[in-house]
Every structure is written in C-alpha cells, then in structure tokens.
Amino acid sequence: MRRDREHDARRPSAVARGYGSKWREARAGFLAKHPTCCRCGKPATVVHHTTPHRGDRALFWNRALWAPVCQPCHDGPCQAEEKRP
C-alpha cells in the first residue's frame, strides 16, 4: 500500500486536524451518552463523522453528524463508504 504510506506521510498530525484535548473530551462525553455501535450494536469506541469534514471546522463540530461506531465498523464499512465517489 505505497499510496497509503505516501498519503500518511503528507497528512497533518491528528492534533493539527482537530483531534486534540477538546476533541477527546467531546468524544468521551458523546460515547458515554451513545455507548453502542449504530451499525452492529457492539460497544462503540469511535465517533464517526458521517459527513467527511475534510478540515471544515463547522462540519467537524456538528454533533448531528456524529455517529457512535466500534473500531471494526469504522475501519471497514464506514471508511469504504467515504471512499466511494
């Protein structure tokens, strides 16, 4: 997956993309209120942005666009759906 490595090398850090302490606090609160994956019902560990924010802070912080998902659902079907045209 050379393309993925090249993309990751150019990608800003998680903190630079908005995933700092404010995000960690908001994420923890959201998952406390929404503890199960909306796809499979397993424990949710990820807050998925249902609309890719691509750096847009308004989309990033719009909680109406957040969904609780487990890691396997996030890394599998959620990411695959985002990559579709």
PDB file of N, CA and C in Angstrom:
ATOM      1  N   MET A   1       0.811  -1.192   0.000  1.00  0.00           N
ATOM      2  CA  MET A   1       0.000   0.000   0.000  1.00  0.00           C
ATOM      3  C   MET A   1       0.864   1.270   0.000  1.00  0.00           C
ATOM      4  N   ARG A   2       1.664   1.401  -1.026  1.00  0.00           N
ATOM      5  CA  ARG A   2       2.549   2.553  -1.144  1.00  0.00           C
ATOM      6  C   ARG A   2       1.760   3.862  -1.119  1.00  0.00           C
ATOM      7  N   ARG A   3       0.629   3.869  -1.795  1.00  0.00           N
ATOM      8  CA  ARG A   3      -0.194   5.078  -1.852  1.00  0.00           C
ATOM      9  C   ARG A   3      -0.621   5.516  -0.456  1.00  0.00           C
ATOM     10  N   ASP A   4      -1.022   4.573   0.398  1.00  0.00           N
ATOM     11  CA  ASP A   4      -1.425   4.892   1.767  1.00  0.00           C
ATOM     12  C   ASP A   4      -0.262   5.472   2.563  1.00  0.00           C
ATOM     13  N   ARG A   5       0.923   4.892   2.424  1.00  0.00           N
ATOM     14  CA  ARG A   5       2.102   5.399   3.141  1.00  0.00           C
ATOM     15  C   ARG A   5       2.435   6.818   2.695  1.00  0.00           C
ATOM     16  N   GLU A   6       2.341   7.060   1.399  1.00  0.00           N
ATOM     17  CA  GLU A   6       2.626   8.402   0.881  1.00  0.00           C
ATOM     18  C   GLU A   6       1.601   9.412   1.397  1.00  0.00           C
ATOM     19  N   HIS A   7       0.348   9.008   1.411  1.00  0.00           N
ATOM     20  CA  HIS A   7      -0.714   9.876   1.935  1.00  0.00           C
ATOM     21  C   HIS A   7      -0.464  10.178   3.409  1.00  0.00           C
ATOM     22  N   ASP A   8      -0.173   9.162   4.192  1.00  0.00           N
ATOM     23  CA  ASP A   8       0.070   9.348   5.624  1.00  0.00           C
ATOM     24  C   ASP A   8       1.278  10.252   5.875  1.00  0.00           C
ATOM     25  N   ALA A   9       2.287  10.164   5.041  1.00  0.00           N
ATOM     26  CA  ALA A   9       3.486  10.981   5.214  1.00  0.00           C
ATOM     27  C   ALA A   9       3.180  12.468   5.002  1.00  0.00           C
ATOM     28  N   ARG A  10       2.226  12.777   4.133  1.00  0.00           N
ATOM     29  CA  ARG A  10       1.854  14.171   3.858  1.00  0.00           C
ATOM     30  C   ARG A  10       0.752  14.676   4.781  1.00  0.00           C
ATOM     31  N   ARG A  11       0.075  13.789   5.453  1.00  0.00           N
ATOM     32  CA  ARG A  11      -1.083  14.134   6.278  1.00  0.00           C
ATOM     33  C   ARG A  11      -0.645  14.863   7.550  1.00  0.00           C
ATOM     34  N   PRO A  12      -1.347  15.956   7.900  1.00  0.00           N
ATOM     35  CA  PRO A  12      -1.035  16.648   9.158  1.00  0.00           C
ATOM     36  C   PRO A  12      -1.288  15.732  10.357  1.00  0.00           C
ATOM     37  N   SER A  13      -0.703  16.065  11.478  1.00  0.00           N
ATOM     38  CA  SER A  13      -0.891  15.263  12.688  1.00  0.00           C
ATOM     39  C   SER A  13      -2.353  15.286  13.118  1.00  0.00           C
ATOM     40  N   ALA A  14      -2.720  14.362  13.973  1.00  0.00           N
ATOM     41  CA  ALA A  14      -4.096  14.308  14.480  1.00  0.00           C
ATOM     42  C   ALA A  14      -4.465  15.609  15.184  1.00  0.00           C
ATOM     43  N   VAL A  15      -3.567  16.141  15.971  1.00  0.00           N
ATOM     44  CA  VAL A  15      -3.833  17.397  16.685  1.00  0.00           C
ATOM     45  C   VAL A  15      -4.034  18.532  15.684  1.00  0.00           C
ATOM     46  N   ALA A  16      -3.216  18.572  14.655  1.00  0.00           N
ATOM     47  CA  ALA A  16      -3.351  19.612  13.633  1.00  0.00           C
ATOM     48  C   ALA A  16      -4.675  19.494  12.885  1.00  0.00           C
ATOM     49  N   ARG A  17      -5.231  18.271  12.818  1.00  0.00           N
ATOM     50  CA  ARG A  17      -6.515  18.058  12.147  1.00  0.00           C
ATOM     51  C   ARG A  17      -7.704  18.287  13.081  1.00  0.00           C
ATOM     52  N   GLY A  18      -7.442  18.658  14.343  1.00  0.00           N
ATOM     53  CA  GLY A  18      -8.531  18.985  15.267  1.00  0.00           C
ATOM     54  C   GLY A  18      -8.779  17.969  16.356  1.00  0.00           C
ATOM     55  N   TYR A  19      -8.022  16.899  16.371  1.00  0.00           N
ATOM     56  CA  TYR A  19      -8.247  15.830  17.341  1.00  0.00           C
ATOM     57  C   TYR A  19      -7.369  16.005  18.576  1.00  0.00           C
ATOM     58  N   GLY A  20      -7.467  17.159  19.217  1.00  0.00           N
ATOM     59  CA  GLY A  20      -6.700  17.462  20.417  1.00  0.00           C
ATOM     60  C   GLY A  20      -7.522  17.211  21.677  1.00  0.00           C
ATOM     61  N   SER A  21      -7.168  17.894  22.746  1.00  0.00           N
ATOM     62  CA  SER A  21      -7.815  17.663  24.042  1.00  0.00           C
ATOM     63  C   SER A  21      -9.297  18.029  24.029  1.00  0.00           C
ATOM     64  N   LYS A  22      -9.668  19.088  23.325  1.00  0.00           N
ATOM     65  CA  LYS A  22     -11.087  19.464  23.241  1.00  0.00           C
ATOM     66  C   LYS A  22     -11.886  18.348  22.569  1.00  0.00           C
ATOM     67  N   TRP A  23     -11.328  17.772  21.496  1.00  0.00           N
ATOM     68  CA  TRP A  23     -11.992  16.663  20.813  1.00  0.00           C
ATOM     69  C   TRP A  23     -12.091  15.441  21.729  1.00  0.00           C
ATOM     70  N   ARG A  24     -10.997  15.113  22.426  1.00  0.00           N
ATOM     71  CA  ARG A  24     -11.009  13.930  23.294  1.00  0.00           C
ATOM     72  C   ARG A  24     -12.084  14.052  24.365  1.00  0.00           C
ATOM     73  N   GLU A  25     -12.262  15.245  24.903  1.00  0.00           N
ATOM     74  CA  GLU A  25     -13.296  15.465  25.916  1.00  0.00           C
ATOM     75  C   GLU A  25     -14.694  15.329  25.298  1.00  0.00           C
ATOM     76  N   ALA A  26     -14.911  15.935  24.147  1.00  0.00           N
ATOM     77  CA  ALA A  26     -16.212  15.851  23.473  1.00  0.00           C
ATOM     78  C   ALA A  26     -16.513  14.413  23.070  1.00  0.00           C
ATOM     79  N   ARG A  27     -15.505  13.713  22.577  1.00  0.00           N
ATOM     80  CA  ARG A  27     -15.652  12.318  22.168  1.00  0.00           C
ATOM     81  C   ARG A  27     -16.067  11.438  23.350  1.00  0.00           C
ATOM     82  N   ALA A  28     -15.395  11.618  24.476  1.00  0.00           N
ATOM     83  CA  ALA A  28     -15.708  10.818  25.666  1.00  0.00           C
ATOM     84  C   ALA A  28     -17.147  11.066  26.119  1.00  0.00           C
ATOM     85  N   GLY A  29     -17.573  12.324  26.121  1.00  0.00           N
ATOM     86  CA  GLY A  29     -18.943  12.632  26.507  1.00  0.00           C
ATOM     87  C   GLY A  29     -19.955  12.038  25.549  1.00  0.00           C
ATOM     88  N   PHE A  30     -19.670  12.116  24.256  1.00  0.00           N
ATOM     89  CA  PHE A  30     -20.578  11.560  23.251  1.00  0.00           C
ATOM     90  C   PHE A  30     -20.695  10.047  23.407  1.00  0.00           C
ATOM     91  N   LEU A  31     -19.558   9.370  23.570  1.00  0.00           N
ATOM     92  CA  LEU A  31     -19.594   7.909  23.709  1.00  0.00           C
ATOM     93  C   LEU A  31     -20.251   7.477  25.021  1.00  0.00           C
ATOM     94  N   ALA A  32     -20.160   8.310  26.067  1.00  0.00           N
ATOM     95  CA  ALA A  32     -20.840   7.990  27.321  1.00  0.00           C
ATOM     96  C   ALA A  32     -22.361   8.009  27.126  1.00  0.00           C
ATOM     97  N   LYS A  33     -22.836   8.926  26.286  1.00  0.00           N
ATOM     98  CA  LYS A  33     -24.275   9.028  26.011  1.00  0.00           C
ATOM     99  C   LYS A  33     -24.734   8.047  24.940  1.00  0.00           C
ATOM    100  N   HIS A  34     -23.809   7.612  24.098  1.00  0.00           N
ATOM    101  CA  HIS A  34     -24.118   6.714  22.976  1.00  0.00           C
ATOM    102  C   HIS A  34     -23.111   5.562  22.990  1.00  0.00           C
ATOM    103  N   PRO A  35     -23.275   4.619  23.912  1.00  0.00           N
ATOM    104  CA  PRO A  35     -22.238   3.599  24.125  1.00  0.00           C
ATOM    105  C   PRO A  35     -22.224   2.422  23.153  1.00  0.00           C
ATOM    106  N   THR A  36     -23.212   2.318  22.272  1.00  0.00           N
ATOM    107  CA  THR A  36     -23.227   1.163  21.374  1.00  0.00           C
ATOM    108  C   THR A  36     -23.097   1.590  19.916  1.00  0.00           C
ATOM    109  N   CYS A  37     -22.464   0.738  19.149  1.00  0.00           N
ATOM    110  CA  CYS A  37     -22.243   0.981  17.721  1.00  0.00           C
ATOM    111  C   CYS A  37     -23.592   1.050  17.007  1.00  0.00           C
ATOM    112  N   CYS A  38     -23.781   2.087  16.222  1.00  0.00           N
ATOM    113  CA  CYS A  38     -25.044   2.254  15.498  1.00  0.00           C
ATOM    114  C   CYS A  38     -25.166   1.273  14.338  1.00  0.00           C
ATOM    115  N   ARG A  39     -24.101   0.566  14.017  1.00  0.00           N
ATOM    116  CA  ARG A  39     -24.128  -0.394  12.916  1.00  0.00           C
ATOM    117  C   ARG A  39     -24.352  -1.830  13.391  1.00  0.00           C
ATOM    118  N   CYS A  40     -23.642  -2.224  14.459  1.00  0.00           N
ATOM    119  CA  CYS A  40     -23.690  -3.643  14.848  1.00  0.00           C
ATOM    120  C   CYS A  40     -24.117  -3.881  16.288  1.00  0.00           C
ATOM    121  N   GLY A  41     -24.194  -2.828  17.097  1.00  0.00           N
ATOM    122  CA  GLY A  41     -24.623  -2.982  18.487  1.00  0.00           C
ATOM    123  C   GLY A  41     -23.527  -3.315  19.473  1.00  0.00           C
ATOM    124  N   LYS A  42     -22.305  -3.497  19.005  1.00  0.00           N
ATOM    125  CA  LYS A  42     -21.182  -3.743  19.920  1.00  0.00           C
ATOM    126  C   LYS A  42     -20.820  -2.436  20.623  1.00  0.00           C
ATOM    127  N   PRO A  43     -19.968  -2.486  21.648  1.00  0.00           N
ATOM    128  CA  PRO A  43     -19.554  -1.240  22.310  1.00  0.00           C
ATOM    129  C   PRO A  43     -18.884  -0.280  21.325  1.00  0.00           C
ATOM    130  N   ALA A  44     -19.316   0.969  21.350  1.00  0.00           N
ATOM    131  CA  ALA A  44     -18.752   1.990  20.474  1.00  0.00           C
ATOM    132  C   ALA A  44     -17.457   2.519  21.071  1.00  0.00           C
ATOM    133  N   THR A  45     -16.470   2.694  20.230  1.00  0.00           N
ATOM    134  CA  THR A  45     -15.184   3.221  20.667  1.00  0.00           C
ATOM    135  C   THR A  45     -14.724   4.400  19.810  1.00  0.00           C
ATOM    136  N   VAL A  46     -15.467   4.690  18.743  1.00  0.00           N
ATOM    137  CA  VAL A  46     -15.093   5.734  17.793  1.00  0.00           C
ATOM    138  C   VAL A  46     -16.290   6.639  17.540  1.00  0.00           C
ATOM    139  N   VAL A  47     -16.032   7.931  17.445  1.00  0.00           N
ATOM    140  CA  VAL A  47     -17.062   8.871  16.989  1.00  0.00           C
ATOM    141  C   VAL A  47     -16.775   9.120  15.521  1.00  0.00           C
ATOM    142  N   HIS A  48     -17.673   8.651  14.687  1.00  0.00           N
ATOM    143  CA  HIS A  48     -17.517   8.762  13.236  1.00  0.00           C
ATOM    144  C   HIS A  48     -18.213  10.022  12.738  1.00  0.00           C
ATOM    145  N   HIS A  49     -17.536  10.781  11.900  1.00  0.00           N
ATOM    146  CA  HIS A  49     -18.155  11.931  11.245  1.00  0.00           C
ATOM    147  C   HIS A  49     -18.891  11.394  10.012  1.00  0.00           C
ATOM    148  N   THR A  50     -20.215  11.398  10.057  1.00  0.00           N
ATOM    149  CA  THR A  50     -20.994  10.807   8.968  1.00  0.00           C
ATOM    150  C   THR A  50     -20.865  11.583   7.665  1.00  0.00           C
ATOM    151  N   THR A  51     -20.535  12.851   7.768  1.00  0.00           N
ATOM    152  CA  THR A  51     -20.196  13.666   6.603  1.00  0.00           C
ATOM    153  C   THR A  51     -18.725  14.018   6.741  1.00  0.00           C
ATOM    154  N   PRO A  52     -17.890  13.579   5.813  1.00  0.00           N
ATOM    155  CA  PRO A  52     -16.470  13.886   5.928  1.00  0.00           C
ATOM    156  C   PRO A  52     -16.247  15.399   6.058  1.00  0.00           C
ATOM    157  N   HIS A  53     -15.521  15.796   7.090  1.00  0.00           N
ATOM    158  CA  HIS A  53     -15.342  17.223   7.338  1.00  0.00           C
ATOM    159  C   HIS A  53     -14.199  17.830   6.530  1.00  0.00           C
ATOM    160  N   ARG A  54     -13.214  17.037   6.179  1.00  0.00           N
ATOM    161  CA  ARG A  54     -12.077  17.474   5.371  1.00  0.00           C
ATOM    162  C   ARG A  54     -11.520  18.831   5.810  1.00  0.00           C
ATOM    163  N   GLY A  55     -11.440  19.004   7.136  1.00  0.00           N
ATOM    164  CA  GLY A  55     -10.868  20.220   7.705  1.00  0.00           C
ATOM    165  C   GLY A  55     -11.870  21.322   7.981  1.00  0.00           C
ATOM    166  N   ASP A  56     -13.103  21.168   7.557  1.00  0.00           N
ATOM    167  CA  ASP A  56     -14.138  22.171   7.799  1.00  0.00           C
ATOM    168  C   ASP A  56     -14.556  22.086   9.269  1.00  0.00           C
ATOM    169  N   ARG A  57     -14.204  23.097  10.055  1.00  0.00           N
ATOM    170  CA  ARG A  57     -14.472  23.081  11.498  1.00  0.00           C
ATOM    171  C   ARG A  57     -15.965  23.043  11.820  1.00  0.00           C
ATOM    172  N   ALA A  58     -16.805  23.673  11.010  1.00  0.00           N
ATOM    173  CA  ALA A  58     -18.252  23.645  11.260  1.00  0.00           C
ATOM    174  C   ALA A  58     -18.771  22.207  11.146  1.00  0.00           C
ATOM    175  N   LEU A  59     -18.331  21.486  10.129  1.00  0.00           N
ATOM    176  CA  LEU A  59     -18.732  20.083   9.988  1.00  0.00           C
ATOM    177  C   LEU A  59     -18.116  19.228  11.086  1.00  0.00           C
ATOM    178  N   PHE A  60     -16.859  19.495  11.394  1.00  0.00           N
ATOM    179  CA  PHE A  60     -16.154  18.715  12.414  1.00  0.00           C
ATOM    180  C   PHE A  60     -16.897  18.737  13.744  1.00  0.00           C
ATOM    181  N   TRP A  61     -17.380  19.905  14.171  1.00  0.00           N
ATOM    182  CA  TRP A  61     -18.015  20.045  15.478  1.00  0.00           C
ATOM    183  C   TRP A  61     -19.530  19.910  15.453  1.00  0.00           C
ATOM    184  N   ASN A  62     -20.116  19.641  14.310  1.00  0.00           N
ATOM    185  CA  ASN A  62     -21.572  19.470  14.215  1.00  0.00           C
ATOM    186  C   ASN A  62     -21.950  18.088  14.755  1.00  0.00           C
ATOM    187  N   ARG A  63     -22.420  18.061  15.986  1.00  0.00           N
ATOM    188  CA  ARG A  63     -22.731  16.787  16.649  1.00  0.00           C
ATOM    189  C   ARG A  63     -23.859  16.018  15.970  1.00  0.00           C
ATOM    190  N   ALA A  64     -24.671  16.691  15.197  1.00  0.00           N
ATOM    191  CA  ALA A  64     -25.723  15.995  14.454  1.00  0.00           C
ATOM    192  C   ALA A  64     -25.120  15.076  13.395  1.00  0.00           C
ATOM    193  N   LEU A  65     -23.858  15.297  13.066  1.00  0.00           N
ATOM    194  CA  LEU A  65     -23.174  14.486  12.052  1.00  0.00           C
ATOM    195  C   LEU A  65     -22.237  13.451  12.671  1.00  0.00           C
ATOM    196  N   TRP A  66     -22.331  13.256  13.979  1.00  0.00           N
ATOM    197  CA  TRP A  66     -21.504  12.268  14.668  1.00  0.00           C
ATOM    198  C   TRP A  66     -22.299  10.974  14.846  1.00  0.00           C
ATOM    199  N   ALA A  67     -21.611   9.862  14.771  1.00  0.00           N
ATOM    200  CA  ALA A  67     -22.244   8.562  14.993  1.00  0.00           C
ATOM    201  C   ALA A  67     -21.307   7.686  15.823  1.00  0.00           C
ATOM    202  N   PRO A  68     -21.869   6.970  16.807  1.00  0.00           N
ATOM    203  CA  PRO A  68     -21.038   6.057  17.592  1.00  0.00           C
ATOM    204  C   PRO A  68     -20.846   4.741  16.839  1.00  0.00           C
ATOM    205  N   VAL A  69     -19.609   4.340  16.663  1.00  0.00           N
ATOM    206  CA  VAL A  69     -19.319   3.079  15.987  1.00  0.00           C
ATOM    207  C   VAL A  69     -18.186   2.350  16.695  1.00  0.00           C
ATOM    208  N   CYS A  70     -18.124   1.047  16.483  1.00  0.00           N
ATOM    209  CA  CYS A  70     -16.988   0.275  17.001  1.00  0.00           C
ATOM    210  C   CYS A  70     -15.842   0.413  15.999  1.00  0.00           C
ATOM    211  N   GLN A  71     -14.643   0.085  16.418  1.00  0.00           N
ATOM    212  CA  GLN A  71     -13.470   0.221  15.548  1.00  0.00           C
ATOM    213  C   GLN A  71     -13.600  -0.600  14.267  1.00  0.00           C
ATOM    214  N   PRO A  72     -14.046  -1.893  14.348  1.00  0.00           N
ATOM    215  CA  PRO A  72     -14.161  -2.661  13.095  1.00  0.00           C
ATOM    216  C   PRO A  72     -15.139  -2.040  12.092  1.00  0.00           C
ATOM    217  N   CYS A  73     -16.266  -1.521  12.571  1.00  0.00           N
ATOM    218  CA  CYS A  73     -17.214  -0.887  11.648  1.00  0.00           C
ATOM    219  C   CYS A  73     -16.642   0.411  11.083  1.00  0.00           C
ATOM    220  N   HIS A  74     -15.941   1.164  11.913  1.00  0.00           N
ATOM    221  CA  HIS A  74     -15.339   2.411  11.436  1.00  0.00           C
ATOM    222  C   HIS A  74     -14.281   2.139  10.379  1.00  0.00           C
ATOM    223  N   ASP A  75     -13.396   1.190  10.658  1.00  0.00           N
ATOM    224  CA  ASP A  75     -12.281   0.920   9.754  1.00  0.00           C
ATOM    225  C   ASP A  75     -12.712   0.161   8.501  1.00  0.00           C
ATOM    226  N   GLY A  76     -13.855  -0.496   8.562  1.00  0.00           N
ATOM    227  CA  GLY A  76     -14.341  -1.266   7.411  1.00  0.00           C
ATOM    228  C   GLY A  76     -15.388  -0.502   6.627  1.00  0.00           C
ATOM    229  N   PRO A  77     -16.669  -0.750   6.918  1.00  0.00           N
ATOM    230  CA  PRO A  77     -17.722  -0.162   6.089  1.00  0.00           C
ATOM    231  C   PRO A  77     -17.783   1.362   6.095  1.00  0.00           C
ATOM    232  N   CYS A  78     -17.533   1.995   7.227  1.00  0.00           N
ATOM    233  CA  CYS A  78     -17.606   3.471   7.265  1.00  0.00           C
ATOM    234  C   CYS A  78     -16.559   4.091   6.345  1.00  0.00           C
ATOM    235  N   GLN A  79     -15.337   3.592   6.416  1.00  0.00           N
ATOM    236  CA  GLN A  79     -14.271   4.137   5.579  1.00  0.00           C
ATOM    237  C   GLN A  79     -14.503   3.810   4.103  1.00  0.00           C
ATOM    238  N   ALA A  80     -15.014   2.608   3.828  1.00  0.00           N
ATOM    239  CA  ALA A  80     -15.294   2.232   2.444  1.00  0.00           C
ATOM    240  C   ALA A  80     -16.356   3.148   1.851  1.00  0.00           C
ATOM    241  N   GLU A  81     -17.375   3.490   2.635  1.00  0.00           N
ATOM    242  CA  GLU A  81     -18.429   4.375   2.138  1.00  0.00           C
ATOM    243  C   GLU A  81     -17.878   5.767   1.836  1.00  0.00           C
ATOM    244  N   GLU A  82     -16.941   6.240   2.658  1.00  0.00           N
ATOM    245  CA  GLU A  82     -16.365   7.568   2.428  1.00  0.00           C
ATOM    246  C   GLU A  82     -15.536   7.612   1.143  1.00  0.00           C
ATOM    247  N   LYS A  83     -14.947   6.505   0.778  1.00  0.00           N
ATOM    248  CA  LYS A  83     -14.068   6.476  -0.387  1.00  0.00           C
ATOM    249  C   LYS A  83     -14.844   6.345  -1.700  1.00  0.00           C
ATOM    250  N   ARG A  84     -16.126   6.004  -1.611  1.00  0.00           N
ATOM    251  CA  ARG A  84     -16.930   5.902  -2.825  1.00  0.00           C
ATOM    252  C   ARG A  84     -17.180   7.278  -3.421  1.00  0.00           C
ATOM    253  N   PRO A  85     -17.202   7.374  -4.747  1.00  0.00           N
ATOM    254  CA  PRO A  85     -17.463   8.692  -5.374  1.00  0.00           C
ATOM    255  C   PRO A  85     -18.880   9.182  -5.144  1.00  0.00           C
TER     256      PRO A  85
END
